[in-house]
Amino acid sequence: TFLVLKVHKNFYPDLFSWEEFENLINIRPLMNYERVHFPGKDDYEWDESYWALDNNCFPAHIIKDALYKGVCNFCDMSRASSKINGLCEAMEKKVNRPVDAHIYASKNITEEHPFGAHWDDSATIIVQCEGITNFKVWYPMELYPGDHLEITRDPIIDCDLHPGDAVFVPTFYPHLATSITHRLSVSFTYMLQDSEDQKFGDREWVKL
C-alpha cells in the first residue's frame, strides 16, 4: 500500500530518532568516506588515529561540522536500526528487489537538497524522521543523465513532510527537498531492472 505516488501522512512515526542517529555517527568505523558524503565539500583533512584500523573514516569533529553546514548523506544504512532493517525487508518482499537505505541529516535550515532538483534511476520512499522538509515532485520529462533541472511548471506534489510522513517517488520523477527546520530522514531505494548483481542481503536482526 505504500508504493503509491502521494504523501502518506503518519506513515511511520517512530522510525528513527536523533538519539539513534547520534549513536550511529559516533561509531567511527561506520563513518568511512565511501559511506558518508558531504556534497560540495571535499576538502576535509585530518590526522591519522594511532589505533585506527581504517584511516579513511571521518573523525567526530568533521562529522559535526558538516552537519551544521549542510545536508549530509549516509549510504548503506539499511541496518542502521532494527526498524529500518525491518522496513527494508518489508519492501523487498513487496517489490522483489534488494532495498537500500540512505540517511539524510542536517542541522542547517537554509540549504536545499545537495543535489538540487533532480531525478533518480531508482524508485524511492522518503520517510521524514525529525524536523520538517518541503518536498516537491514533478511528472517525468525528456531528460538525460547530467541534465541541469530548471523546472518552471507546477509540481504534482508540494507538501511539507512532518515526522512520520512519507512520500513515494517513482523512477525518473524529478523531485526537490528543501529543509524548513533541521532534518533527519531515511530514503529507501531499489532498482527496477533485473541484474545478476542485485542479490538480497541477510535481514536477520541479531538478538542475544
Protein backbone atom coordinates (compact mmCIF):
# COMPACT_ATOMS: atom_id res chain seq x y z
CA THR A 1 0.00 0.00 0.00
CA PHE A 2 2.96 2.36 0.36
CA LEU A 3 4.08 2.23 -3.29
CA VAL A 4 1.69 4.96 -4.42
CA LEU A 5 2.73 8.38 -5.74
CA LYS A 6 1.39 10.53 -2.93
CA VAL A 7 2.25 11.81 0.53
CA HIS A 8 1.49 9.20 3.19
CA LYS A 9 0.73 11.05 6.42
CA ASN A 10 1.86 9.42 9.67
CA PHE A 11 3.35 6.51 7.73
CA TYR A 12 6.00 5.55 10.32
CA PRO A 13 6.02 7.97 13.29
CA ASP A 14 8.96 6.48 15.22
CA LEU A 15 11.21 5.03 12.53
CA PHE A 16 14.48 6.73 13.56
CA SER A 17 15.42 9.39 16.12
CA TRP A 18 18.17 11.95 16.63
CA GLU A 19 19.40 9.86 19.57
CA GLU A 20 19.75 6.77 17.37
CA PHE A 21 21.47 8.85 14.71
CA GLU A 22 23.91 10.27 17.27
CA ASN A 23 24.81 6.76 18.38
CA LEU A 24 25.37 5.78 14.76
CA ILE A 25 27.67 8.64 13.78
CA ASN A 26 29.82 8.09 16.87
CA ILE A 27 30.78 4.60 15.67
CA ARG A 28 33.89 5.74 13.86
CA PRO A 29 34.42 2.68 11.59
CA LEU A 30 30.99 3.30 10.04
CA MET A 31 31.94 6.83 9.02
CA ASN A 32 34.05 5.72 6.06
CA TYR A 33 34.33 8.28 3.25
CA GLU A 34 32.76 5.78 0.83
CA ARG A 35 29.65 5.65 3.02
CA VAL A 36 29.44 9.28 4.19
CA HIS A 37 29.02 12.14 1.71
CA PHE A 38 29.11 15.89 2.21
CA PRO A 39 28.02 17.18 -1.23
CA GLY A 40 30.12 20.09 -2.43
CA LYS A 41 32.59 19.72 0.46
CA ASP A 42 35.56 17.51 -0.34
CA ASP A 43 38.45 19.43 1.25
CA TYR A 44 38.42 17.95 4.75
CA GLU A 45 41.75 16.78 6.17
CA TRP A 46 42.57 15.13 9.47
CA ASP A 47 45.40 13.41 11.31
CA GLU A 48 45.52 9.63 11.41
CA SER A 49 44.48 7.99 14.64
CA TYR A 50 47.06 5.73 16.27
CA TRP A 51 44.70 2.81 16.92
CA ALA A 52 42.50 3.15 13.86
CA LEU A 53 42.42 0.16 11.52
CA ASP A 54 40.89 2.28 8.77
CA ASN A 55 42.15 5.85 8.44
CA ASN A 56 39.59 6.65 5.72
CA CYS A 57 36.93 7.32 8.36
CA PHE A 58 35.86 10.86 9.23
CA PRO A 59 36.61 11.88 12.83
CA ALA A 60 33.83 13.23 15.01
CA HIS A 61 34.62 16.94 14.68
CA ILE A 62 34.34 16.78 10.86
CA ILE A 63 31.02 14.94 11.01
CA LYS A 64 29.67 17.58 13.38
CA ASP A 65 30.99 20.46 11.27
CA ALA A 66 29.44 19.06 8.09
CA LEU A 67 26.04 18.50 9.72
CA TYR A 68 25.87 22.17 10.75
CA LYS A 69 26.86 23.38 7.28
CA GLY A 70 24.51 21.43 5.03
CA VAL A 71 22.73 18.20 4.20
CA CYS A 72 24.85 15.07 4.66
CA ASN A 73 24.15 11.72 3.05
CA PHE A 74 24.93 8.43 4.79
CA CYS A 75 24.72 5.42 2.41
CA ASP A 76 24.50 1.68 3.01
CA MET A 77 22.43 2.23 6.16
CA SER A 78 19.76 -0.45 5.76
CA ARG A 79 20.89 -1.99 9.06
CA ALA A 80 21.23 1.26 10.98
CA SER A 81 18.42 0.08 13.28
CA SER A 82 16.07 -2.86 13.61
CA LYS A 83 13.14 -0.73 12.39
CA ILE A 84 14.98 0.46 9.28
CA ASN A 85 16.09 -3.10 8.59
CA GLY A 86 12.52 -4.34 9.07
CA LEU A 87 11.09 -1.78 6.66
CA CYS A 88 13.74 -2.74 4.10
CA GLU A 89 12.69 -6.37 4.49
CA ALA A 90 9.01 -5.49 4.05
CA MET A 91 9.78 -3.51 0.90
CA GLU A 92 11.94 -6.31 -0.50
CA LYS A 93 9.04 -8.73 -0.13
CA LYS A 94 6.75 -6.21 -1.83
CA VAL A 95 8.93 -5.34 -4.85
CA ASN A 96 11.15 -8.44 -5.03
CA ARG A 97 14.26 -6.28 -5.28
CA PRO A 98 17.11 -5.60 -2.83
CA VAL A 99 16.41 -2.38 -0.93
CA ASP A 100 18.99 0.03 0.50
CA ALA A 101 18.54 2.87 2.97
CA HIS A 102 20.22 6.28 2.87
CA ILE A 103 20.07 8.67 5.81
CA TYR A 104 19.90 12.42 5.11
CA ALA A 105 20.66 14.71 8.02
CA SER A 106 21.33 18.39 8.62
CA LYS A 107 21.25 20.90 11.45
CA ASN A 108 21.26 23.67 8.82
CA ILE A 109 17.84 25.10 7.99
CA THR A 110 18.75 27.24 4.97
CA GLU A 111 20.20 24.78 2.45
CA GLU A 112 18.22 22.92 -0.20
CA HIS A 113 18.79 19.32 -1.16
CA PRO A 114 22.50 18.96 -2.00
CA PHE A 115 21.65 17.74 -5.50
CA GLY A 116 19.01 20.39 -6.20
CA ALA A 117 16.03 19.38 -8.33
CA HIS A 118 16.97 16.02 -9.79
CA TRP A 119 15.70 12.61 -10.81
CA ASP A 120 16.96 9.13 -9.93
CA ASP A 121 17.12 5.90 -11.89
CA SER A 122 15.73 4.10 -8.84
CA ALA A 123 12.39 4.23 -7.05
CA THR A 124 12.46 5.77 -3.58
CA ILE A 125 10.37 6.08 -0.44
CA ILE A 126 11.41 9.02 1.76
CA VAL A 127 10.39 8.90 5.41
CA GLN A 128 10.69 12.10 7.46
CA CYS A 129 12.00 11.23 10.92
CA GLU A 130 12.79 14.58 12.58
CA GLY A 131 12.13 18.18 11.58
CA ILE A 132 10.14 19.49 8.61
CA THR A 133 11.11 19.26 4.94
CA ASN A 134 9.26 20.68 1.96
CA PHE A 135 9.10 18.11 -0.81
CA LYS A 136 8.18 18.74 -4.43
CA VAL A 137 7.67 16.14 -7.18
CA TRP A 138 7.09 16.70 -10.91
CA TYR A 139 5.98 14.46 -13.74
CA PRO A 140 8.86 12.97 -15.77
CA MET A 141 10.23 14.90 -18.72
CA GLU A 142 12.68 14.12 -21.52
CA LEU A 143 15.96 14.10 -19.65
CA TYR A 144 19.39 12.64 -19.94
CA PRO A 145 21.93 11.91 -17.22
CA GLY A 146 23.74 15.08 -16.21
CA ASP A 147 20.95 17.44 -17.24
CA HIS A 148 20.63 20.51 -15.00
CA LEU A 149 16.99 20.77 -13.98
CA GLU A 150 15.36 24.19 -14.08
CA ILE A 151 11.69 23.32 -13.78
CA THR A 152 9.13 26.06 -14.39
CA ARG A 153 5.92 24.02 -14.39
CA ASP A 154 3.89 23.33 -11.25
CA PRO A 155 4.73 20.23 -9.21
CA ILE A 156 2.22 17.43 -8.78
CA ILE A 157 3.24 17.19 -5.12
CA ASP A 158 4.17 20.19 -2.98
CA CYS A 159 3.92 19.29 0.67
CA ASP A 160 5.68 19.78 4.00
CA LEU A 161 6.72 16.43 5.42
CA HIS A 162 6.44 16.22 9.21
CA PRO A 163 7.90 13.49 11.42
CA GLY A 164 6.37 10.16 10.41
CA ASP A 165 5.24 11.32 6.96
CA ALA A 166 6.49 9.64 3.80
CA VAL A 167 6.40 10.17 0.04
CA PHE A 168 6.95 7.65 -2.74
CA VAL A 169 8.88 8.91 -5.78
CA PRO A 170 8.89 6.61 -8.84
CA THR A 171 11.87 6.26 -11.13
CA PHE A 172 12.67 9.33 -13.30
CA TYR A 173 10.28 11.66 -11.45
CA PRO A 174 12.12 14.95 -10.72
CA HIS A 175 11.95 15.99 -7.09
CA LEU A 176 13.37 18.57 -4.70
CA ALA A 177 13.73 18.59 -0.91
CA THR A 178 14.11 21.87 0.98
CA SER A 179 14.80 21.92 4.74
CA ILE A 180 12.39 24.12 6.66
CA THR A 181 13.89 23.12 10.00
CA HIS A 182 16.69 20.74 10.93
CA ARG A 183 16.27 17.48 9.06
CA LEU A 184 16.58 13.75 9.63
CA SER A 185 15.07 11.46 7.01
CA VAL A 186 15.60 7.98 5.61
CA SER A 187 15.30 7.15 1.90
CA PHE A 188 14.58 3.58 0.89
CA THR A 189 15.60 2.88 -2.69
CA TYR A 190 15.54 -0.01 -5.14
CA MET A 191 16.36 -0.55 -8.80
CA LEU A 192 13.66 -1.63 -11.25
CA GLN A 193 15.74 -3.55 -13.76
CA ASP A 194 16.87 -7.13 -13.24
CA SER A 195 20.53 -7.64 -12.52
CA GLU A 196 22.66 -10.59 -11.52
CA ASP A 197 24.46 -8.27 -9.08
CA GLN A 198 21.29 -7.48 -7.14
CA LYS A 199 21.50 -10.20 -4.51
CA PHE A 200 19.49 -9.97 -1.33
CA GLY A 201 21.32 -9.38 1.93
CA ASP A 202 20.75 -11.09 5.25
CA ARG A 203 17.83 -9.35 7.00
CA GLU A 204 18.01 -11.36 10.23
CA TRP A 205 18.33 -8.95 13.16
CA VAL A 206 20.76 -10.39 15.69
CA LYS A 207 19.29 -10.64 19.20
CA LEU A 208 21.31 -12.09 22.06
